[in-house]
Each structure stands twice: as C-alpha cells, then as structure tokens.
C-alpha cells in the first residue's frame, strides 16, 4: 500500500503538487481575512463595472482584458484568466519557479464578478440613475477602497504586480516606476487591440494610489479591521 502511494506521488507533476500545496494553504487564513478579501474583490469588480459603463476609460489591466474579450467574445472572466495565465507564465519563466496562485484567483474572480453584474443588468440600472462622471467617481472610490481591503487581507495582489515586484528586485527600480512602465505597456497593448482608453484610465493611475492609505487607516481606526497585509500602501503602490 505504501509502495503504491509512493509511486503515485512520483507520478504527480511538480506543478500539480505546487497548486495543491497553494490551495491547501488557503485554509490557514482566518475568517475575517477571507471576508475582507472577498469584500475587496467584490467591491473592485463593482468599481470596474462603473468604469466600463461610464465609457470614459477604465483601469489599464481591464483595457487589455476588454480588448481581448472583444476579439474572442468569451466573457470578462475567461479573458481575465487568459491574461492571468500570461503574467503567471512570464513570472515563472523569469524567476524560474512556480508562482503563487492567489493573484490568478484575484484577477479571474474579479472578471467573473463583472460578468455577473452584467448578467444581472446592473449596467442598465446604473446608467438610468447616474451620469458618466458620477459613475467614474463611484468607480474610483470603490476601486480605491477595495484595494485597501485586499491589501489588508494579506491574501492576494493583482496579477501584474507580481511582475512589477520582480522588476523592483532585479533592477532596483522603485515600485512606482516599475508599475507605471508595466501599466503603460498594458493599456497601450489593450488600446491598440481596441480596448477603451480615456480620462478614466488617467484618473485611475493618478487617484487610486493616494486614496488607499487613508482608506486603510479608516478601516483600522473606525471599523477596527485588522491589517494582515502591508502596513503601508506605498509598499504596494
């Protein structure tokens, strides 16, 4: 019996073992961490939906995802997974080791939730009640606050930030410089493929980062939420 078990373990591909280990590690997170994380992803998807229906431009990653969805017509969830796999493969080849799966979950789950809001008719509901700039403002606040929740949960970061962190460690760049270069490259690629670009994209780049730290402070002081992740938003943005 033990020999058969050993044979099975030997046949298991290292990547499958890595994914299994990563999935099992999720059970070690506390309930309030998971709640913060899921709330963060849900709010971020709502904010992204507000950006999209405002038609004033959206965040750089969604510019690329939307452009791919226009070509493949598979939905935001599937296209988010495709982009996630691209960045994970890039990170894996660059670092020569298997990547964490939490950024993949974060990006894919966000895309699936955007599809859900579309299916529920949220876009039509909001368009009838809010103008474009109100939707943009709501999107900025939701994305900033949700980013604070995701950071504080200590569970996952956005998929492109994995590559950004490698650029920082390899080339000794600042996080801001590396992130700006990646985001410019992402939205340029998405825009050339037909993705939306506008004042909302610029607003996302300029406004989200500075708002995250105040929201983290508010969550800690006003709502007594524990910070399991980075103590300072400047470490991530």
Protein backbone atom coordinates (compact mmCIF):
# COMPACT_ATOMS: atom_id res chain seq x y z
CA UNK A 1 0.00 0.00 0.00
CA UNK A 2 2.82 2.38 0.91
CA UNK A 3 4.67 1.45 -2.31
CA UNK A 4 1.60 2.37 -4.38
CA UNK A 5 1.32 5.69 -2.54
CA UNK A 6 4.98 6.46 -3.25
CA UNK A 7 4.51 5.59 -6.94
CA UNK A 8 1.51 7.93 -7.18
CA UNK A 9 3.49 10.73 -5.57
CA UNK A 10 6.33 10.17 -8.04
CA UNK A 11 3.92 10.35 -11.00
CA UNK A 12 2.42 13.65 -9.84
CA UNK A 13 3.77 16.58 -11.83
CA UNK A 14 5.59 19.19 -9.69
CA UNK A 15 3.23 21.91 -10.96
CA UNK A 16 0.19 19.93 -9.78
CA UNK A 17 1.86 19.40 -6.41
CA UNK A 18 2.59 23.14 -6.19
CA UNK A 19 -1.03 24.07 -6.97
CA UNK A 20 -2.26 21.52 -4.43
CA UNK A 21 0.00 22.97 -1.76
CA UNK A 22 -1.14 26.50 -2.60
CA UNK A 23 -4.81 25.51 -2.40
CA UNK A 24 -4.30 23.74 0.93
CA UNK A 25 -2.55 26.82 2.31
CA UNK A 26 -5.77 28.81 1.83
CA UNK A 27 -7.34 27.00 4.79
CA UNK A 28 -4.85 28.67 7.14
CA UNK A 29 -6.34 32.12 6.56
CA UNK A 30 -8.64 33.45 9.26
CA UNK A 31 -12.32 34.10 8.61
CA UNK A 32 -12.01 37.87 8.85
CA UNK A 33 -9.14 37.76 6.34
CA UNK A 34 -11.28 35.84 3.86
CA UNK A 35 -14.26 38.16 4.42
CA UNK A 36 -12.07 41.24 3.82
CA UNK A 37 -10.59 39.66 0.71
CA UNK A 38 -13.96 38.65 -0.79
CA UNK A 39 -15.45 42.06 0.02
CA UNK A 40 -12.43 43.70 -1.60
CA UNK A 41 -12.69 41.66 -4.79
CA UNK A 42 -16.48 42.22 -4.95
CA UNK A 43 -16.16 45.99 -4.47
CA UNK A 44 -13.33 46.14 -7.02
CA UNK A 45 -15.46 44.35 -9.61
CA UNK A 46 -18.29 46.84 -8.94
CA UNK A 47 -15.85 49.72 -9.35
CA UNK A 48 -14.51 48.23 -12.58
CA UNK A 49 -18.09 47.84 -13.84
CA UNK A 50 -18.73 51.54 -13.09
CA UNK A 51 -15.61 52.44 -15.09
CA UNK A 52 -16.71 50.29 -18.03
CA UNK A 53 -20.28 51.60 -18.29
CA UNK A 54 -19.15 55.23 -17.85
CA UNK A 55 -17.38 54.83 -21.22
CA UNK A 56 -14.75 57.30 -20.01
CA UNK A 57 -11.96 54.71 -19.87
CA UNK A 58 -11.08 52.05 -17.33
CA UNK A 59 -8.01 50.79 -15.45
CA UNK A 60 -5.04 49.60 -17.57
CA UNK A 61 -5.49 45.88 -16.90
CA UNK A 62 -9.18 45.99 -17.83
CA UNK A 63 -8.32 47.90 -21.02
CA UNK A 64 -6.34 44.82 -22.10
CA UNK A 65 -8.92 42.31 -20.84
CA UNK A 66 -11.81 44.13 -22.57
CA UNK A 67 -9.86 44.29 -25.84
CA UNK A 68 -9.24 40.54 -25.72
CA UNK A 69 -12.92 39.94 -24.91
CA UNK A 70 -13.91 42.00 -27.98
CA UNK A 71 -11.80 39.69 -30.13
CA UNK A 72 -12.58 36.31 -28.51
CA UNK A 73 -16.04 37.11 -27.08
CA UNK A 74 -15.57 34.68 -24.18
CA UNK A 75 -16.59 36.97 -21.31
CA UNK A 76 -14.54 39.01 -18.85
CA UNK A 77 -14.00 36.02 -16.54
CA UNK A 78 -12.37 33.80 -19.17
CA UNK A 79 -10.37 36.66 -20.68
CA UNK A 80 -9.17 37.67 -17.19
CA UNK A 81 -7.97 34.09 -16.70
CA UNK A 82 -6.12 34.21 -20.04
CA UNK A 83 -4.33 37.43 -19.08
CA UNK A 84 -3.58 35.99 -15.62
CA UNK A 85 -2.00 32.88 -17.15
CA UNK A 86 0.13 35.07 -19.43
CA UNK A 87 1.52 37.07 -16.50
CA UNK A 88 1.98 33.94 -14.35
CA UNK A 89 3.91 32.25 -17.18
CA UNK A 90 6.04 35.38 -17.64
CA UNK A 91 6.76 35.50 -13.90
CA UNK A 92 7.51 31.76 -13.76
CA UNK A 93 9.98 31.85 -16.68
CA UNK A 94 11.67 34.96 -15.30
CA UNK A 95 12.00 33.68 -11.73
CA UNK A 96 12.46 30.00 -12.68
CA UNK A 97 9.98 28.80 -10.07
CA UNK A 98 6.26 28.22 -9.79
CA UNK A 99 4.18 31.32 -9.00
CA UNK A 100 1.61 31.81 -6.22
CA UNK A 101 -1.98 31.23 -7.34
CA UNK A 102 -3.69 33.94 -5.27
CA UNK A 103 -3.12 36.69 -7.91
CA UNK A 104 -4.69 34.37 -10.52
CA UNK A 105 -7.70 33.87 -8.25
CA UNK A 106 -7.99 37.62 -7.61
CA UNK A 107 -7.91 38.63 -11.28
CA UNK A 108 -10.12 35.78 -12.54
CA UNK A 109 -12.69 36.18 -9.75
CA UNK A 110 -12.90 39.91 -10.49
CA UNK A 111 -13.62 39.17 -14.15
CA UNK A 112 -16.26 36.57 -13.29
CA UNK A 113 -18.00 39.03 -10.94
CA UNK A 114 -18.03 41.70 -13.67
CA UNK A 115 -19.77 39.13 -15.90
CA UNK A 116 -22.25 38.50 -13.07
CA UNK A 117 -23.08 42.21 -12.72
CA UNK A 118 -23.63 42.37 -16.48
CA UNK A 119 -25.90 39.32 -16.39
CA UNK A 120 -27.92 40.87 -13.54
CA UNK A 121 -28.43 44.05 -15.58
CA UNK A 122 -26.51 46.29 -13.20
CA UNK A 123 -25.18 48.41 -16.05
CA UNK A 124 -28.63 49.38 -17.32
CA UNK A 125 -29.79 50.07 -13.76
CA UNK A 126 -26.90 52.44 -13.01
CA UNK A 127 -26.96 54.19 -16.40
CA UNK A 128 -30.60 55.14 -15.81
CA UNK A 129 -29.73 56.76 -12.46
CA UNK A 130 -26.19 58.16 -12.78
CA UNK A 131 -24.35 60.25 -15.36
CA UNK A 132 -20.95 59.27 -16.77
CA UNK A 133 -18.87 61.35 -14.36
CA UNK A 134 -20.82 60.13 -11.33
CA UNK A 135 -20.11 56.57 -12.45
CA UNK A 136 -16.42 57.44 -12.84
CA UNK A 137 -16.28 58.94 -9.33
CA UNK A 138 -18.05 55.90 -7.88
CA UNK A 139 -15.62 53.62 -9.71
CA UNK A 140 -12.60 55.48 -8.32
CA UNK A 141 -13.86 55.30 -4.73
CA UNK A 142 -14.87 51.64 -4.98
CA UNK A 143 -11.57 50.57 -6.56
CA UNK A 144 -9.51 52.53 -4.02
CA UNK A 145 -11.44 51.22 -1.02
CA UNK A 146 -11.47 47.65 -2.34
CA UNK A 147 -7.71 47.80 -2.95
CA UNK A 148 -7.26 48.78 0.71
CA UNK A 149 -9.34 45.76 1.78
CA UNK A 150 -7.42 43.36 -0.46
CA UNK A 151 -4.05 44.65 0.79
CA UNK A 152 -5.18 44.44 4.43
CA UNK A 153 -6.47 40.88 3.97
CA UNK A 154 -2.94 39.70 3.17
CA UNK A 155 -4.29 37.11 0.74
CA UNK A 156 -3.65 38.30 -2.79
CA UNK A 157 -2.35 41.09 -5.01
CA UNK A 158 -3.23 41.92 -8.60
CA UNK A 159 -1.62 39.68 -11.18
CA UNK A 160 0.60 42.29 -12.85
CA UNK A 161 2.06 43.35 -9.50
CA UNK A 162 3.90 40.00 -9.37
CA UNK A 163 5.90 41.04 -12.43
CA UNK A 164 6.35 44.55 -11.02
CA UNK A 165 7.86 43.16 -7.81
CA UNK A 166 10.34 41.12 -9.86
CA UNK A 167 11.35 44.24 -11.81
CA UNK A 168 11.92 46.03 -8.49
CA UNK A 169 14.11 43.23 -7.10
CA UNK A 170 16.05 42.58 -10.33
CA UNK A 171 16.69 46.13 -11.49
CA UNK A 172 16.48 48.03 -8.18
CA UNK A 173 13.71 50.23 -9.54
CA UNK A 174 11.14 51.93 -7.34
CA UNK A 175 7.77 50.20 -7.22
CA UNK A 176 6.10 53.31 -8.67
CA UNK A 177 8.46 53.42 -11.68
CA UNK A 178 8.12 49.70 -12.42
CA UNK A 179 4.35 49.76 -12.00
CA UNK A 180 3.96 52.81 -14.26
CA UNK A 181 6.01 51.17 -17.03
CA UNK A 182 4.02 47.93 -16.82
CA UNK A 183 0.68 49.77 -16.76
CA UNK A 184 1.62 51.95 -19.74
CA UNK A 185 2.64 48.81 -21.64
CA UNK A 186 -0.59 47.03 -20.68
CA UNK A 187 -3.03 49.77 -21.60
CA UNK A 188 -1.09 50.60 -24.79
CA UNK A 189 -1.40 46.97 -25.89
CA UNK A 190 -5.07 46.90 -24.93
CA UNK A 191 -5.80 50.21 -26.66
CA UNK A 192 -4.12 49.05 -29.89
CA UNK A 193 -6.30 45.92 -29.74
CA UNK A 194 -9.45 48.03 -29.41
CA UNK A 195 -9.82 48.44 -25.65
CA UNK A 196 -11.30 51.61 -24.08
CA UNK A 197 -8.98 54.45 -23.10
CA UNK A 198 -9.95 57.85 -21.75
CA UNK A 199 -9.93 60.22 -18.80
CA UNK A 200 -10.99 57.33 -16.55
CA UNK A 201 -7.74 55.49 -17.30
CA UNK A 202 -5.68 58.55 -16.38
CA UNK A 203 -7.80 59.15 -13.27
CA UNK A 204 -7.24 55.54 -12.18
CA UNK A 205 -3.47 55.93 -12.46
CA UNK A 206 -3.39 59.25 -10.57
CA UNK A 207 -6.14 58.89 -7.96
CA UNK A 208 -6.30 55.27 -6.75
CA UNK A 209 -2.84 55.05 -5.15
CA UNK A 210 -3.09 58.17 -2.93
CA UNK A 211 -6.54 57.13 -1.67
CA UNK A 212 -5.56 53.64 -0.50
CA UNK A 213 -3.57 54.61 2.61
CA UNK A 214 -6.34 56.87 4.04
CA UNK A 215 -8.84 54.06 3.49
CA UNK A 216 -6.53 51.59 5.25
CA UNK A 217 -6.25 53.99 8.19
CA UNK A 218 -10.04 54.42 8.26
CA UNK A 219 -10.59 50.65 8.25
CA UNK A 220 -8.20 50.23 11.17
CA UNK A 221 -9.37 53.15 13.33
CA UNK A 222 -13.10 53.46 12.51
CA UNK A 223 -14.04 49.87 11.71
CA UNK A 224 -11.42 48.09 13.87
CA UNK A 225 -10.31 45.88 10.98
CA UNK A 226 -7.02 44.08 11.50
CA UNK A 227 -4.29 44.63 8.92
CA UNK A 228 -2.89 41.21 7.92
CA UNK A 229 -1.06 42.55 4.88
CA UNK A 230 1.18 45.52 4.18
CA UNK A 231 1.25 48.23 6.84
CA UNK A 232 1.70 50.92 4.22
CA UNK A 233 0.02 51.23 0.84
CA UNK A 234 3.23 52.77 -0.50
CA UNK A 235 4.76 49.30 -0.25
CA UNK A 236 2.31 48.06 -2.84
CA UNK A 237 1.57 51.12 -4.96
